[in-house]
Amino acid sequence: RASCLVPIAPAGAGVVVVPALCPLRRCRPAALVLWWGEAPRLAELQARVPWAVFAGRRAGEDLAAHSASAAAVVFPSATEPFGNVTPEAMASGLPVLAYDYAAASQLIRHGSNGLLAPLGDEAAFVTQAGQLASDHDQSAGMGRLARITALSPPVTTGIAQVEPHKGEAPPPGRGAARGRRG
């Protein structure tokens, strides 16, 4: 079983991930780290983490099989506006460590169903990786809650929030309610 899946993100995200994986290696020396995707400087990244497995581009059932083999996803991207990595990982029951940005900021409840680091704070990202690696039971619990979150459609959540107030007019000066998914 892979201990950690790392999607290869553009724009030098490997600079953050390599130090973030160090706590994982300290806590679990035999941990398997599986990277997927493509990067312009892949050879450089492979040289920095020779103990990792680089699976290349994966999609569909193949990516799902790789995800099913993992315990967590470490995703340091600061460029994915609202892509698939975070919700797909969560739907697979994996806790995600990501920056508090884009999809992650909308889906992850820090410490409950995953971990968030402030956008651009590499030290905090590395610290959160250590937390993710050091407590397997907490990570497994976050993964279970991540799956529940990802499989809770926003429409259902919205209906559940609105249903008790059906027929009521909104307070003066207020538009439709907006909120983060939970």
Protein backbone atom coordinates (compact mmCIF):
# COMPACT_ATOMS: atom_id res chain seq x y z
CA ARG A 1 0.00 0.00 0.00
CA ALA A 2 1.35 3.42 -0.94
CA SER A 3 1.65 5.75 2.01
CA CYS A 4 1.31 8.90 -0.02
CA LEU A 5 0.19 9.98 -3.48
CA VAL A 6 1.68 13.15 -4.89
CA PRO A 7 0.22 14.68 -8.04
CA ILE A 8 2.99 16.42 -9.91
CA ALA A 9 2.00 20.06 -9.94
CA PRO A 10 3.48 22.68 -12.23
CA ALA A 11 5.58 25.68 -11.27
CA GLY A 12 8.10 24.10 -8.93
CA ALA A 13 5.73 22.50 -6.42
CA GLY A 14 8.34 19.76 -6.00
CA VAL A 15 10.41 22.30 -4.10
CA VAL A 16 7.79 22.13 -1.34
CA VAL A 17 6.92 18.46 -1.61
CA VAL A 18 10.41 17.06 -1.19
CA PRO A 19 10.89 18.63 2.28
CA ALA A 20 7.28 17.80 3.13
CA LEU A 21 7.99 14.12 2.50
CA CYS A 22 10.89 14.07 4.96
CA PRO A 23 8.61 13.72 8.01
CA LEU A 24 6.86 10.83 6.28
CA ARG A 25 10.19 9.10 5.71
CA ARG A 26 11.19 9.67 9.36
CA CYS A 27 7.89 8.28 10.71
CA ARG A 28 7.64 5.47 8.18
CA PRO A 29 11.03 4.66 6.65
CA ALA A 30 9.52 1.99 4.40
CA ALA A 31 6.79 4.31 3.14
CA LEU A 32 6.04 4.18 -0.55
CA VAL A 33 5.57 7.57 -2.13
CA LEU A 34 3.84 7.43 -5.49
CA TRP A 35 3.91 10.46 -7.78
CA TRP A 36 1.70 10.74 -10.83
CA GLY A 37 1.56 13.22 -13.67
CA GLU A 38 4.13 14.90 -15.84
CA ALA A 39 6.44 17.83 -15.21
CA PRO A 40 8.88 19.80 -17.33
CA ARG A 41 11.72 19.06 -14.87
CA LEU A 42 10.77 15.49 -14.01
CA ALA A 43 14.33 14.13 -14.24
CA GLU A 44 15.48 16.70 -11.68
CA LEU A 45 12.65 15.74 -9.37
CA GLN A 46 13.40 12.02 -9.76
CA ALA A 47 17.03 12.68 -8.85
CA ARG A 48 15.96 14.48 -5.64
CA VAL A 49 13.68 11.65 -4.46
CA PRO A 50 15.14 8.41 -5.85
CA TRP A 51 13.16 6.39 -3.27
CA ALA A 52 9.83 7.50 -4.77
CA VAL A 53 7.92 5.80 -7.54
CA PHE A 54 7.00 7.99 -10.53
CA ALA A 55 3.96 6.52 -12.24
CA GLY A 56 3.61 9.06 -15.05
CA ARG A 57 0.27 10.22 -16.42
CA ARG A 58 -2.71 8.33 -15.00
CA ALA A 59 -6.43 8.75 -15.63
CA GLY A 60 -9.75 7.03 -15.13
CA GLU A 61 -9.77 3.56 -13.61
CA ASP A 62 -5.98 3.44 -13.62
CA LEU A 63 -5.77 6.58 -11.47
CA ALA A 64 -8.54 5.24 -9.24
CA ALA A 65 -6.54 2.04 -8.69
CA HIS A 66 -3.47 4.08 -7.75
CA SER A 67 -5.56 6.22 -5.40
CA ALA A 68 -7.03 3.16 -3.75
CA SER A 69 -3.52 2.06 -2.84
CA ALA A 70 -2.71 5.24 -0.90
CA ALA A 71 -3.21 6.50 2.63
CA ALA A 72 -3.08 10.24 1.82
CA VAL A 73 -2.56 12.81 -0.93
CA VAL A 74 -0.03 15.63 -0.62
CA PHE A 75 -0.93 18.38 -3.07
CA PRO A 76 1.14 21.59 -2.95
CA SER A 77 -0.34 23.29 -5.98
CA ALA A 78 -1.02 26.99 -5.87
CA THR A 79 -2.14 27.04 -9.49
CA GLU A 80 -5.14 24.70 -9.67
CA PRO A 81 -8.24 26.94 -9.62
CA PHE A 82 -10.82 24.20 -9.02
CA GLY A 83 -9.50 21.04 -10.53
CA ASN A 84 -10.13 17.39 -9.87
CA VAL A 85 -7.26 16.37 -7.59
CA THR A 86 -8.76 17.41 -4.26
CA PRO A 87 -12.36 16.24 -4.75
CA GLU A 88 -11.30 12.97 -6.42
CA ALA A 89 -8.84 12.15 -3.65
CA MET A 90 -11.45 12.95 -1.02
CA ALA A 91 -14.06 10.83 -2.82
CA SER A 92 -11.53 7.98 -2.66
CA GLY A 93 -11.47 8.36 1.12
CA LEU A 94 -8.05 9.98 1.29
CA PRO A 95 -7.14 12.91 3.50
CA VAL A 96 -5.56 15.70 1.44
CA LEU A 97 -2.83 18.06 2.55
CA ALA A 98 -3.07 21.18 0.40
CA TYR A 99 -2.76 24.92 0.49
CA ASP A 100 -5.79 26.81 1.75
CA TYR A 101 -6.72 27.84 -1.78
CA ALA A 102 -9.22 27.03 -4.53
CA ALA A 103 -10.92 23.62 -4.28
CA ALA A 104 -9.05 22.71 -1.11
CA SER A 105 -10.27 25.81 0.71
CA GLN A 106 -13.84 24.97 -0.28
CA LEU A 107 -13.78 21.26 0.57
CA ILE A 108 -11.25 20.66 3.33
CA ARG A 109 -12.04 21.41 6.95
CA HIS A 110 -8.60 21.60 8.54
CA GLY A 111 -8.02 18.77 11.00
CA SER A 112 -11.38 17.18 10.27
CA ASN A 113 -11.31 15.81 6.71
CA GLY A 114 -7.82 16.92 5.65
CA LEU A 115 -5.12 19.46 6.38
CA LEU A 116 -4.57 22.97 5.06
CA ALA A 117 -1.52 25.21 5.10
CA PRO A 118 -1.73 28.95 4.40
CA LEU A 119 -1.13 29.64 0.71
CA GLY A 120 2.59 30.01 0.06
CA ASP A 121 3.67 29.07 3.61
CA GLU A 122 6.08 26.25 2.83
CA ALA A 123 7.12 25.80 6.48
CA ALA A 124 3.50 25.29 7.53
CA PHE A 125 3.00 22.84 4.65
CA VAL A 126 5.98 20.77 5.84
CA THR A 127 4.69 20.88 9.43
CA GLN A 128 1.26 19.66 8.30
CA ALA A 129 2.93 16.83 6.37
CA GLY A 130 4.59 15.75 9.60
CA GLN A 131 1.20 15.69 11.33
CA LEU A 132 -0.32 13.67 8.49
CA ALA A 133 2.55 11.17 8.58
CA SER A 134 2.79 10.77 12.33
CA ASP A 135 -0.76 9.78 13.22
CA HIS A 136 -2.16 6.97 11.07
CA ASP A 137 -5.43 6.75 13.04
CA GLN A 138 -6.08 10.48 12.67
CA SER A 139 -5.29 10.29 8.94
CA ALA A 140 -7.66 7.36 8.49
CA GLY A 141 -10.42 9.25 10.31
CA MET A 142 -9.85 12.32 8.15
CA GLY A 143 -10.05 10.09 5.08
CA ARG A 144 -13.45 8.73 6.14
CA LEU A 145 -14.76 12.27 6.67
CA ALA A 146 -13.18 13.40 3.38
CA ARG A 147 -15.20 10.78 1.53
CA ILE A 148 -18.42 11.88 3.22
CA THR A 149 -17.66 15.50 2.32
CA ALA A 150 -16.85 14.73 -1.30
CA LEU A 151 -19.97 12.62 -1.77
CA SER A 152 -22.25 15.27 -0.29
CA PRO A 153 -23.48 17.16 -3.35
CA PRO A 154 -23.74 20.93 -2.91
CA VAL A 155 -27.29 20.80 -4.21
CA THR A 156 -28.34 18.39 -1.45
CA THR A 157 -26.56 20.52 1.12
CA GLY A 158 -28.25 23.64 -0.19
CA ILE A 159 -31.67 22.01 -0.17
CA ALA A 160 -31.16 20.79 3.40
CA GLN A 161 -30.21 24.31 4.49
CA VAL A 162 -33.12 25.98 2.68
CA GLU A 163 -35.91 23.44 3.32
CA PRO A 164 -36.68 24.54 6.91
CA HIS A 165 -37.14 28.12 5.67
CA LYS A 166 -39.31 27.29 2.66
CA GLY A 167 -41.84 30.02 2.04
CA GLU A 168 -39.99 32.59 4.12
CA ALA A 169 -38.78 35.79 2.52
CA PRO A 170 -35.07 36.56 2.90
CA PRO A 171 -34.23 39.34 5.36
CA PRO A 172 -34.30 42.81 3.74
CA GLY A 173 -31.13 43.66 1.84
CA ARG A 174 -29.88 40.07 1.75
CA GLY A 175 -29.52 37.96 -1.35
CA ALA A 176 -29.16 34.23 -1.61
CA ALA A 177 -27.22 32.62 1.20
CA ARG A 178 -23.69 31.62 0.42
CA GLY A 179 -21.60 29.23 2.40
CA ARG A 180 -18.75 26.80 2.28
CA ARG A 181 -19.41 23.13 1.92
CA GLY A 182 -18.94 21.07 5.02
